[in-house]
Amino acid sequence: YDHQGQVALGLRGFHAPGYRQVASLADGLAEGLRSRLGATFFPVLLMEEDMAKALGQALAQRLTGPLLCLDGVSVAQGDYVDVGAPVAQGRVLPVVVKTLAFEGNGV
């Protein structure tokens, strides 16, 4: 957890999850996130599978404050994610995933 800025958690998720899978994941995430909530931090969850709405609703019952849960986003450790302003009457958020590449020695 970086105290200097927002951090996102990328998860693969479950294909066609059932209620118990979503509830169990939400319980675990809420337990881990609860102590980190504050004025400058709110949960940002990026799901590969199509389950963000169900997970977001389950987390909203377990956590207070803002929460952003998006699906269809694949990330790897160290990626940077930019979330743009809502478009299409607020129904769509543009997301850009950036992977940084560094020049190695002798290259």
N, C-alpha and C. Protein backbone atom coordinates (compact mmCIF):
# COMPACT_ATOMS: atom_id res chain seq x y z
N TYR A 1 0.84 -1.17 0.00
CA TYR A 1 0.00 0.00 0.00
C TYR A 1 0.89 1.24 0.00
N ASP A 2 0.67 2.11 -0.95
CA ASP A 2 1.46 3.32 -1.13
C ASP A 2 0.73 4.50 -0.49
N HIS A 3 1.30 5.07 0.53
CA HIS A 3 0.66 6.19 1.22
C HIS A 3 0.66 7.46 0.39
N GLN A 4 1.37 7.49 -0.72
CA GLN A 4 1.48 8.68 -1.55
C GLN A 4 0.36 8.79 -2.58
N GLY A 5 -0.40 7.75 -2.83
CA GLY A 5 -1.43 7.84 -3.85
C GLY A 5 -2.38 6.67 -3.82
N GLN A 6 -3.28 6.70 -4.76
CA GLN A 6 -4.29 5.67 -4.88
C GLN A 6 -3.68 4.38 -5.42
N VAL A 7 -4.18 3.26 -4.96
CA VAL A 7 -3.73 1.95 -5.42
C VAL A 7 -4.95 1.17 -5.90
N ALA A 8 -4.78 0.46 -7.00
CA ALA A 8 -5.86 -0.39 -7.52
C ALA A 8 -5.48 -1.85 -7.33
N LEU A 9 -6.49 -2.67 -7.12
CA LEU A 9 -6.29 -4.11 -6.99
C LEU A 9 -6.91 -4.79 -8.20
N GLY A 10 -6.09 -5.49 -8.95
CA GLY A 10 -6.57 -6.21 -10.13
C GLY A 10 -6.79 -7.68 -9.80
N LEU A 11 -7.98 -8.18 -10.13
CA LEU A 11 -8.33 -9.57 -9.86
C LEU A 11 -8.90 -10.22 -11.12
N ARG A 12 -8.65 -11.49 -11.27
CA ARG A 12 -9.24 -12.21 -12.40
C ARG A 12 -10.73 -12.36 -12.19
N GLY A 13 -11.15 -12.73 -10.99
CA GLY A 13 -12.56 -12.91 -10.70
C GLY A 13 -13.06 -14.28 -11.13
N PHE A 14 -14.37 -14.44 -11.16
CA PHE A 14 -15.01 -15.72 -11.50
C PHE A 14 -15.89 -15.54 -12.73
N HIS A 15 -15.86 -16.50 -13.61
CA HIS A 15 -16.76 -16.50 -14.76
C HIS A 15 -18.14 -16.95 -14.27
N ALA A 16 -19.16 -16.13 -14.48
CA ALA A 16 -20.54 -16.42 -14.06
C ALA A 16 -20.59 -16.81 -12.58
N PRO A 17 -20.16 -15.92 -11.68
CA PRO A 17 -20.12 -16.26 -10.26
C PRO A 17 -21.51 -16.38 -9.66
N GLY A 18 -21.60 -17.23 -8.66
CA GLY A 18 -22.82 -17.36 -7.88
C GLY A 18 -22.78 -16.41 -6.70
N TYR A 19 -23.92 -16.31 -6.02
CA TYR A 19 -24.03 -15.40 -4.87
C TYR A 19 -22.97 -15.70 -3.82
N ARG A 20 -22.77 -16.96 -3.50
CA ARG A 20 -21.81 -17.32 -2.44
C ARG A 20 -20.39 -16.93 -2.81
N GLN A 21 -20.01 -17.09 -4.08
CA GLN A 21 -18.67 -16.69 -4.51
C GLN A 21 -18.49 -15.17 -4.37
N VAL A 22 -19.46 -14.42 -4.82
CA VAL A 22 -19.38 -12.96 -4.73
C VAL A 22 -19.35 -12.52 -3.27
N ALA A 23 -20.22 -13.08 -2.45
CA ALA A 23 -20.28 -12.71 -1.03
C ALA A 23 -18.98 -13.06 -0.31
N SER A 24 -18.42 -14.21 -0.60
CA SER A 24 -17.17 -14.63 0.03
C SER A 24 -16.02 -13.71 -0.37
N LEU A 25 -15.93 -13.37 -1.65
CA LEU A 25 -14.90 -12.46 -2.12
C LEU A 25 -15.08 -11.08 -1.49
N ALA A 26 -16.31 -10.60 -1.44
CA ALA A 26 -16.60 -9.29 -0.83
C ALA A 26 -16.23 -9.29 0.65
N ASP A 27 -16.52 -10.36 1.37
CA ASP A 27 -16.16 -10.45 2.79
C ASP A 27 -14.65 -10.32 2.97
N GLY A 28 -13.90 -11.07 2.20
CA GLY A 28 -12.44 -11.03 2.31
C GLY A 28 -11.86 -9.68 1.93
N LEU A 29 -12.35 -9.12 0.84
CA LEU A 29 -11.86 -7.81 0.41
C LEU A 29 -12.20 -6.73 1.44
N ALA A 30 -13.42 -6.75 1.94
CA ALA A 30 -13.83 -5.75 2.93
C ALA A 30 -12.97 -5.84 4.18
N GLU A 31 -12.68 -7.04 4.62
CA GLU A 31 -11.83 -7.22 5.80
C GLU A 31 -10.45 -6.63 5.57
N GLY A 32 -9.89 -6.89 4.40
CA GLY A 32 -8.55 -6.39 4.09
C GLY A 32 -8.50 -4.90 3.82
N LEU A 33 -9.56 -4.35 3.28
CA LEU A 33 -9.57 -2.93 2.91
C LEU A 33 -10.02 -2.00 4.02
N ARG A 34 -10.80 -2.49 4.95
CA ARG A 34 -11.42 -1.63 5.97
C ARG A 34 -10.41 -0.75 6.69
N SER A 35 -9.26 -1.28 7.05
CA SER A 35 -8.28 -0.50 7.81
C SER A 35 -7.56 0.54 6.95
N ARG A 36 -7.67 0.44 5.63
CA ARG A 36 -6.97 1.37 4.75
C ARG A 36 -7.83 2.52 4.25
N LEU A 37 -9.12 2.46 4.51
CA LEU A 37 -10.02 3.50 4.03
C LEU A 37 -9.71 4.82 4.70
N GLY A 38 -9.84 5.90 3.96
CA GLY A 38 -9.58 7.21 4.54
C GLY A 38 -9.86 8.30 3.53
N ALA A 39 -9.43 9.50 3.88
CA ALA A 39 -9.72 10.67 3.06
C ALA A 39 -9.07 10.59 1.69
N THR A 40 -7.89 9.98 1.59
CA THR A 40 -7.19 9.94 0.31
C THR A 40 -7.19 8.56 -0.34
N PHE A 41 -7.80 7.59 0.29
CA PHE A 41 -7.81 6.24 -0.28
C PHE A 41 -9.23 5.72 -0.32
N PHE A 42 -9.60 5.19 -1.46
CA PHE A 42 -10.85 4.43 -1.57
C PHE A 42 -10.57 3.25 -2.47
N PRO A 43 -11.30 2.15 -2.28
CA PRO A 43 -11.03 0.94 -3.04
C PRO A 43 -11.29 1.12 -4.54
N VAL A 44 -10.32 0.70 -5.34
CA VAL A 44 -10.46 0.61 -6.79
C VAL A 44 -10.15 -0.84 -7.15
N LEU A 45 -11.16 -1.54 -7.65
CA LEU A 45 -11.00 -2.95 -8.00
C LEU A 45 -11.19 -3.10 -9.50
N LEU A 46 -10.25 -3.78 -10.13
CA LEU A 46 -10.29 -4.00 -11.57
C LEU A 46 -10.43 -5.49 -11.81
N MET A 47 -11.54 -5.88 -12.40
CA MET A 47 -11.85 -7.29 -12.60
C MET A 47 -11.71 -7.66 -14.07
N GLU A 48 -11.08 -8.80 -14.35
CA GLU A 48 -11.04 -9.29 -15.73
C GLU A 48 -12.41 -9.83 -16.13
N GLU A 49 -13.03 -10.59 -15.25
CA GLU A 49 -14.33 -11.19 -15.54
C GLU A 49 -15.46 -10.19 -15.33
N ASP A 50 -16.60 -10.49 -15.90
CA ASP A 50 -17.78 -9.63 -15.85
C ASP A 50 -18.53 -9.85 -14.53
N MET A 51 -18.01 -9.21 -13.46
CA MET A 51 -18.64 -9.36 -12.16
C MET A 51 -18.53 -8.11 -11.29
N ALA A 52 -18.11 -7.01 -11.87
CA ALA A 52 -17.87 -5.80 -11.09
C ALA A 52 -19.14 -5.25 -10.45
N LYS A 53 -20.24 -5.27 -11.15
CA LYS A 53 -21.47 -4.72 -10.59
C LYS A 53 -21.90 -5.51 -9.36
N ALA A 54 -21.91 -6.83 -9.45
CA ALA A 54 -22.32 -7.66 -8.31
C ALA A 54 -21.34 -7.50 -7.15
N LEU A 55 -20.04 -7.49 -7.45
CA LEU A 55 -19.05 -7.34 -6.38
C LEU A 55 -19.13 -5.95 -5.77
N GLY A 56 -19.30 -4.92 -6.58
CA GLY A 56 -19.43 -3.56 -6.07
C GLY A 56 -20.63 -3.40 -5.16
N GLN A 57 -21.75 -4.00 -5.54
CA GLN A 57 -22.95 -3.93 -4.69
C GLN A 57 -22.73 -4.67 -3.38
N ALA A 58 -22.06 -5.81 -3.45
CA ALA A 58 -21.78 -6.57 -2.22
C ALA A 58 -20.83 -5.80 -1.31
N LEU A 59 -19.81 -5.16 -1.89
CA LEU A 59 -18.87 -4.38 -1.08
C LEU A 59 -19.53 -3.14 -0.50
N ALA A 60 -20.44 -2.53 -1.22
CA ALA A 60 -21.13 -1.34 -0.72
C ALA A 60 -21.92 -1.65 0.54
N GLN A 61 -22.33 -2.89 0.72
CA GLN A 61 -23.03 -3.30 1.94
C GLN A 61 -22.07 -3.53 3.09
N ARG A 62 -20.78 -3.67 2.78
CA ARG A 62 -19.80 -4.01 3.80
C ARG A 62 -18.85 -2.85 4.15
N LEU A 63 -18.73 -1.87 3.26
CA LEU A 63 -17.81 -0.75 3.45
C LEU A 63 -18.57 0.56 3.33
N THR A 64 -18.05 1.59 3.95
CA THR A 64 -18.64 2.92 3.79
C THR A 64 -17.72 3.75 2.91
N GLY A 65 -18.28 4.73 2.26
CA GLY A 65 -17.48 5.63 1.43
C GLY A 65 -17.45 5.22 -0.02
N PRO A 66 -16.68 5.96 -0.82
CA PRO A 66 -16.63 5.71 -2.25
C PRO A 66 -15.93 4.39 -2.59
N LEU A 67 -16.29 3.86 -3.73
CA LEU A 67 -15.78 2.58 -4.21
C LEU A 67 -15.87 2.59 -5.73
N LEU A 68 -14.83 2.11 -6.40
CA LEU A 68 -14.87 1.98 -7.85
C LEU A 68 -14.52 0.54 -8.19
N CYS A 69 -15.43 -0.13 -8.87
CA CYS A 69 -15.24 -1.52 -9.24
C CYS A 69 -15.56 -1.65 -10.73
N LEU A 70 -14.55 -1.97 -11.53
CA LEU A 70 -14.71 -2.04 -12.98
C LEU A 70 -14.40 -3.45 -13.48
N ASP A 71 -15.12 -3.88 -14.51
CA ASP A 71 -14.78 -5.18 -15.10
C ASP A 71 -14.32 -5.01 -16.54
N GLY A 72 -13.79 -6.10 -17.07
CA GLY A 72 -13.25 -6.06 -18.41
C GLY A 72 -11.88 -5.41 -18.48
N VAL A 73 -11.18 -5.34 -17.34
CA VAL A 73 -9.87 -4.70 -17.28
C VAL A 73 -8.85 -5.73 -16.80
N SER A 74 -7.83 -5.94 -17.61
CA SER A 74 -6.76 -6.88 -17.27
C SER A 74 -5.50 -6.09 -16.95
N VAL A 75 -4.95 -6.31 -15.77
CA VAL A 75 -3.75 -5.59 -15.35
C VAL A 75 -2.73 -6.57 -14.81
N ALA A 76 -1.48 -6.11 -14.76
CA ALA A 76 -0.40 -6.89 -14.17
C ALA A 76 0.27 -6.03 -13.11
N GLN A 77 1.05 -6.65 -12.25
CA GLN A 77 1.75 -5.92 -11.19
C GLN A 77 2.60 -4.82 -11.81
N GLY A 78 2.50 -3.63 -11.24
CA GLY A 78 3.29 -2.51 -11.70
C GLY A 78 2.64 -1.67 -12.78
N ASP A 79 1.51 -2.10 -13.31
CA ASP A 79 0.81 -1.30 -14.31
C ASP A 79 0.24 -0.04 -13.67
N TYR A 80 0.12 0.99 -14.47
CA TYR A 80 -0.55 2.22 -14.07
C TYR A 80 -1.89 2.28 -14.79
N VAL A 81 -2.90 2.73 -14.08
CA VAL A 81 -4.25 2.78 -14.64
C VAL A 81 -4.77 4.22 -14.55
N ASP A 82 -5.21 4.73 -15.68
CA ASP A 82 -5.86 6.04 -15.72
C ASP A 82 -7.34 5.81 -15.99
N VAL A 83 -8.17 6.37 -15.14
CA VAL A 83 -9.62 6.30 -15.32
C VAL A 83 -10.09 7.71 -15.67
N GLY A 84 -10.70 7.83 -16.84
CA GLY A 84 -11.14 9.13 -17.31
C GLY A 84 -12.51 9.51 -16.79
N ALA A 85 -12.94 10.68 -17.19
CA ALA A 85 -14.26 11.19 -16.82
C ALA A 85 -15.34 10.37 -17.53
N PRO A 86 -16.48 10.19 -16.89
CA PRO A 86 -17.57 9.41 -17.50
C PRO A 86 -18.02 10.00 -18.84
N VAL A 87 -18.39 9.09 -19.76
CA VAL A 87 -18.94 9.46 -21.06
C VAL A 87 -20.24 8.69 -21.26
N ALA A 88 -20.92 8.94 -22.38
CA ALA A 88 -22.17 8.24 -22.71
C ALA A 88 -23.19 8.37 -21.58
N GLN A 89 -23.48 9.62 -21.21
CA GLN A 89 -24.43 9.92 -20.14
C GLN A 89 -24.06 9.23 -18.83
N GLY A 90 -22.76 9.11 -18.56
CA GLY A 90 -22.30 8.55 -17.30
C GLY A 90 -22.30 7.04 -17.22
N ARG A 91 -22.60 6.35 -18.32
CA ARG A 91 -22.68 4.89 -18.30
C ARG A 91 -21.34 4.22 -18.58
N VAL A 92 -20.34 4.98 -19.06
CA VAL A 92 -19.06 4.40 -19.48
C VAL A 92 -17.91 5.22 -18.90
N LEU A 93 -16.91 4.51 -18.39
CA LEU A 93 -15.68 5.16 -17.93
C LEU A 93 -14.53 4.71 -18.83
N PRO A 94 -13.83 5.65 -19.46
CA PRO A 94 -12.65 5.24 -20.24
C PRO A 94 -11.51 4.84 -19.30
N VAL A 95 -10.86 3.73 -19.61
CA VAL A 95 -9.77 3.22 -18.79
C VAL A 95 -8.56 2.96 -19.70
N VAL A 96 -7.40 3.44 -19.27
CA VAL A 96 -6.15 3.20 -19.99
C VAL A 96 -5.20 2.50 -19.03
N VAL A 97 -4.66 1.35 -19.44
CA VAL A 97 -3.68 0.62 -18.65
C VAL A 97 -2.32 0.86 -19.27
N LYS A 98 -1.37 1.32 -18.45
CA LYS A 98 -0.03 1.64 -18.93
C LYS A 98 0.97 0.70 -18.27
N THR A 99 1.79 0.08 -19.09
CA THR A 99 2.88 -0.75 -18.60
C THR A 99 4.17 -0.02 -18.92
N LEU A 100 4.97 0.24 -17.90
CA LEU A 100 6.22 0.96 -18.10
C LEU A 100 7.33 0.00 -18.47
N ALA A 101 8.16 0.40 -19.42
CA ALA A 101 9.32 -0.38 -19.84
C ALA A 101 10.56 0.45 -19.56
N PHE A 102 11.55 -0.16 -18.94
CA PHE A 102 12.79 0.52 -18.60
C PHE A 102 13.92 -0.09 -19.38
N GLU A 103 14.84 0.77 -19.78
CA GLU A 103 16.04 0.30 -20.50
C GLU A 103 16.95 -0.40 -19.51
N GLY A 104 17.38 -1.60 -19.86
CA GLY A 104 18.27 -2.35 -18.99
C GLY A 104 19.73 -2.03 -19.26
N ASN A 105 20.64 -2.56 -18.47
CA ASN A 105 22.07 -2.36 -18.67
C ASN A 105 22.52 -2.99 -19.97
N GLY A 106 23.35 -2.27 -20.71
CA GLY A 106 23.90 -2.80 -21.94
C GLY A 106 22.95 -2.80 -23.12
N VAL A 107 21.80 -2.15 -22.97
CA VAL A 107 20.83 -2.13 -24.07
C VAL A 107 20.96 -0.84 -24.82
